[in-house]
């Protein structure tokens, strides 16, 4: 079977287009994986901060120290400052028709960090 002059090189062109399509799909997949890992990393850090805030409700410290994996794979200590705000809550107690309102002192703990917390950059633990 003989080929005409116009048909030469079409296989090479088709192979180049195929390689281009595979490379484009590979780069897109790499971008999705990168974004997923970044979101997961933020979620883990937020979870550690929230756990630290819960622990601080029992302590008098004003900072949370987290163990975070750095870009080089090693563990780093990350210190996050915590704001303590005094909050009084009004509680109404009603027993047998006798009602009394009492004020219960408490604290609200807040962490502000747009670098480590997504959304508005803060986590609040309040009574």
C-alpha atoms as a PDB file:
ATOM      1  CA  UNK A   1       0.000   0.000   0.000  1.00  0.00           C
ATOM      2  CA  UNK A   2       1.391   3.375  -0.914  1.00  0.00           C
ATOM      3  CA  UNK A   3       0.845   6.629   0.942  1.00  0.00           C
ATOM      4  CA  UNK A   4       0.367   9.941  -0.652  1.00  0.00           C
ATOM      5  CA  UNK A   5       2.710  12.797   0.145  1.00  0.00           C
ATOM      6  CA  UNK A   6       0.008  14.641   2.153  1.00  0.00           C
ATOM      7  CA  UNK A   7      -0.358  11.848   4.737  1.00  0.00           C
ATOM      8  CA  UNK A   8       3.230  11.938   6.019  1.00  0.00           C
ATOM      9  CA  UNK A   9       3.696  13.323   9.540  1.00  0.00           C
ATOM     10  CA  UNK A  10       0.069  13.061  10.704  1.00  0.00           C
ATOM     11  CA  UNK A  11       0.944  10.316  13.208  1.00  0.00           C
ATOM     12  CA  UNK A  12       3.561  12.564  14.791  1.00  0.00           C
ATOM     13  CA  UNK A  13       1.076  15.418  15.024  1.00  0.00           C
ATOM     14  CA  UNK A  14      -1.531  13.160  16.643  1.00  0.00           C
ATOM     15  CA  UNK A  15       1.050  11.902  19.156  1.00  0.00           C
ATOM     16  CA  UNK A  16       2.055  15.474  20.035  1.00  0.00           C
ATOM     17  CA  UNK A  17      -1.583  16.454  20.600  1.00  0.00           C
ATOM     18  CA  UNK A  18      -2.088  13.349  22.776  1.00  0.00           C
ATOM     19  CA  UNK A  19       0.966  14.181  24.897  1.00  0.00           C
ATOM     20  CA  UNK A  20      -0.264  17.757  25.277  1.00  0.00           C
ATOM     21  CA  UNK A  21      -3.685  16.561  26.470  1.00  0.00           C
ATOM     22  CA  UNK A  22      -2.177  14.098  28.965  1.00  0.00           C
ATOM     23  CA  UNK A  23       0.192  16.777  30.306  1.00  0.00           C
ATOM     24  CA  UNK A  24      -2.692  19.255  30.726  1.00  0.00           C
ATOM     25  CA  UNK A  25      -4.764  16.692  32.611  1.00  0.00           C
ATOM     26  CA  UNK A  26      -1.752  15.825  34.805  1.00  0.00           C
ATOM     27  CA  UNK A  27      -1.169  19.471  35.723  1.00  0.00           C
ATOM     28  CA  UNK A  28      -4.852  19.911  36.567  1.00  0.00           C
ATOM     29  CA  UNK A  29      -4.778  16.841  38.801  1.00  0.00           C
ATOM     30  CA  UNK A  30      -1.607  18.104  40.501  1.00  0.00           C
ATOM     31  CA  UNK A  31      -3.304  21.440  41.227  1.00  0.00           C
ATOM     32  CA  UNK A  32      -6.356  19.718  42.769  1.00  0.00           C
ATOM     33  CA  UNK A  33      -4.137  17.551  44.992  1.00  0.00           C
ATOM     34  CA  UNK A  34      -2.120  20.597  46.105  1.00  0.00           C
ATOM     35  CA  UNK A  35      -5.267  22.531  47.070  1.00  0.00           C
ATOM     36  CA  UNK A  36      -6.679  19.519  48.925  1.00  0.00           C
ATOM     37  CA  UNK A  37      -3.508  19.108  50.986  1.00  0.00           C
ATOM     38  CA  UNK A  38      -3.495  22.817  51.829  1.00  0.00           C
ATOM     39  CA  UNK A  39      -7.112  22.683  53.043  1.00  0.00           C
ATOM     40  CA  UNK A  40      -6.381  19.551  55.077  1.00  0.00           C
ATOM     41  CA  UNK A  41      -3.373  21.226  56.701  1.00  0.00           C
ATOM     42  CA  UNK A  42      -5.523  24.227  57.752  1.00  0.00           C
ATOM     43  CA  UNK A  43      -8.163  21.875  59.144  1.00  0.00           C
ATOM     44  CA  UNK A  44      -5.627  20.003  61.264  1.00  0.00           C
ATOM     45  CA  UNK A  45      -4.177  23.267  62.639  1.00  0.00           C
ATOM     46  CA  UNK A  46      -7.660  24.601  63.461  1.00  0.00           C
ATOM     47  CA  UNK A  47      -8.472  21.347  65.254  1.00  0.00           C
ATOM     48  CA  UNK A  48      -5.289  21.633  67.331  1.00  0.00           C
ATOM     49  CA  UNK A  49      -6.096  25.259  68.233  1.00  0.00           C
ATOM     50  CA  UNK A  50      -9.643  24.330  69.282  1.00  0.00           C
ATOM     51  CA  UNK A  51      -8.352  21.442  71.398  1.00  0.00           C
ATOM     52  CA  UNK A  52      -5.824  23.832  72.984  1.00  0.00           C
ATOM     53  CA  UNK A  53      -8.610  26.322  73.775  1.00  0.00           C
ATOM     54  CA  UNK A  54     -10.641  23.602  75.443  1.00  0.00           C
ATOM     55  CA  UNK A  55      -7.622  22.661  77.544  1.00  0.00           C
ATOM     56  CA  UNK A  56      -7.017  26.319  78.477  1.00  0.00           C
ATOM     57  CA  UNK A  57     -10.481  26.565  80.016  1.00  0.00           C
ATOM     58  CA  UNK A  58      -8.978  24.593  82.911  1.00  0.00           C
ATOM     59  CA  UNK A  59      -5.643  26.490  83.031  1.00  0.00           C
ATOM     60  CA  UNK A  60      -4.458  30.090  83.391  1.00  0.00           C
ATOM     61  CA  UNK A  61      -2.121  30.204  80.371  1.00  0.00           C
ATOM     62  CA  UNK A  62      -2.497  32.856  77.660  1.00  0.00           C
ATOM     63  CA  UNK A  63      -1.007  30.947  74.748  1.00  0.00           C
ATOM     64  CA  UNK A  64      -1.296  27.624  72.964  1.00  0.00           C
ATOM     65  CA  UNK A  65       1.850  25.814  71.799  1.00  0.00           C
ATOM     66  CA  UNK A  66       1.208  23.497  68.857  1.00  0.00           C
ATOM     67  CA  UNK A  67       3.451  20.963  67.159  1.00  0.00           C
ATOM     68  CA  UNK A  68       3.230  21.709  63.430  1.00  0.00           C
ATOM     69  CA  UNK A  69       4.997  19.934  60.573  1.00  0.00           C
ATOM     70  CA  UNK A  70       7.133  22.421  58.651  1.00  0.00           C
ATOM     71  CA  UNK A  71       7.750  22.568  54.918  1.00  0.00           C
ATOM     72  CA  UNK A  72      10.975  20.598  55.387  1.00  0.00           C
ATOM     73  CA  UNK A  73       9.082  17.757  57.125  1.00  0.00           C
ATOM     74  CA  UNK A  74      10.436  18.547  60.602  1.00  0.00           C
ATOM     75  CA  UNK A  75       8.292  19.407  63.605  1.00  0.00           C
ATOM     76  CA  UNK A  76       8.110  23.041  64.666  1.00  0.00           C
ATOM     77  CA  UNK A  77       6.603  24.640  67.769  1.00  0.00           C
ATOM     78  CA  UNK A  78       3.940  27.202  66.892  1.00  0.00           C
ATOM     79  CA  UNK A  79       2.809  29.599  69.636  1.00  0.00           C
ATOM     80  CA  UNK A  80      -0.667  31.091  69.261  1.00  0.00           C
ATOM     81  CA  UNK A  81      -1.696  33.903  71.659  1.00  0.00           C
ATOM     82  CA  UNK A  82      -5.099  33.651  73.376  1.00  0.00           C
ATOM     83  CA  UNK A  83      -7.263  36.557  74.550  1.00  0.00           C
ATOM     84  CA  UNK A  84      -9.221  36.057  77.755  1.00  0.00           C
ATOM     85  CA  UNK A  85     -12.345  38.223  78.103  1.00  0.00           C
ATOM     86  CA  UNK A  86     -14.422  38.290  81.302  1.00  0.00           C
ATOM     87  CA  UNK A  87     -18.085  37.486  80.678  1.00  0.00           C
ATOM     88  CA  UNK A  88     -20.914  37.472  83.224  1.00  0.00           C
ATOM     89  CA  UNK A  89     -23.952  35.320  82.470  1.00  0.00           C
ATOM     90  CA  UNK A  90     -27.361  35.877  84.042  1.00  0.00           C
ATOM     91  CA  UNK A  91     -29.004  32.624  85.164  1.00  0.00           C
ATOM     92  CA  UNK A  92     -32.639  32.431  86.298  1.00  0.00           C
ATOM     93  CA  UNK A  93     -33.449  29.654  88.787  1.00  0.00           C
ATOM     94  CA  UNK A  94     -37.131  28.871  89.339  1.00  0.00           C
ATOM     95  CA  UNK A  95     -38.073  26.261  91.940  1.00  0.00           C
ATOM     96  CA  UNK A  96     -41.628  25.839  93.166  1.00  0.00           C
ATOM     97  CA  UNK A  97     -42.716  29.296  92.101  1.00  0.00           C
ATOM     98  CA  UNK A  98     -39.739  31.002  93.744  1.00  0.00           C
ATOM     99  CA  UNK A  99     -37.541  32.660  91.149  1.00  0.00           C
ATOM    100  CA  UNK A 100     -34.088  34.048  91.605  1.00  0.00           C
ATOM    101  CA  UNK A 101     -31.598  35.547  89.124  1.00  0.00           C
ATOM    102  CA  UNK A 102     -27.905  35.106  89.771  1.00  0.00           C
ATOM    103  CA  UNK A 103     -24.845  36.331  87.920  1.00  0.00           C
ATOM    104  CA  UNK A 104     -22.259  33.684  87.032  1.00  0.00           C
ATOM    105  CA  UNK A 105     -18.775  34.937  86.181  1.00  0.00           C
ATOM    106  CA  UNK A 106     -16.987  33.275  83.274  1.00  0.00           C
ATOM    107  CA  UNK A 107     -14.416  33.776  80.552  1.00  0.00           C
ATOM    108  CA  UNK A 108     -14.529  33.804  76.785  1.00  0.00           C
ATOM    109  CA  UNK A 109     -11.361  32.606  75.035  1.00  0.00           C
ATOM    110  CA  UNK A 110     -10.546  33.947  71.563  1.00  0.00           C
ATOM    111  CA  UNK A 111      -7.800  33.204  69.054  1.00  0.00           C
ATOM    112  CA  UNK A 112      -7.260  35.547  66.097  1.00  0.00           C
ATOM    113  CA  UNK A 113      -4.979  34.328  63.314  1.00  0.00           C
ATOM    114  CA  UNK A 114      -5.833  34.692  59.634  1.00  0.00           C
ATOM    115  CA  UNK A 115      -2.681  32.736  58.786  1.00  0.00           C
ATOM    116  CA  UNK A 116      -3.736  29.529  60.561  1.00  0.00           C
ATOM    117  CA  UNK A 117      -7.547  29.811  60.787  1.00  0.00           C
ATOM    118  CA  UNK A 118      -9.784  29.913  57.743  1.00  0.00           C
ATOM    119  CA  UNK A 119     -12.924  32.028  57.411  1.00  0.00           C
ATOM    120  CA  UNK A 120     -12.838  35.195  59.484  1.00  0.00           C
ATOM    121  CA  UNK A 121      -9.600  34.111  61.179  1.00  0.00           C
ATOM    122  CA  UNK A 122     -10.880  33.548  64.690  1.00  0.00           C
ATOM    123  CA  UNK A 123     -12.077  30.792  66.999  1.00  0.00           C
ATOM    124  CA  UNK A 124     -14.143  31.620  70.117  1.00  0.00           C
ATOM    125  CA  UNK A 125     -14.886  29.350  73.085  1.00  0.00           C
ATOM    126  CA  UNK A 126     -17.558  30.958  75.245  1.00  0.00           C
ATOM    127  CA  UNK A 127     -19.562  29.780  78.277  1.00  0.00           C
END
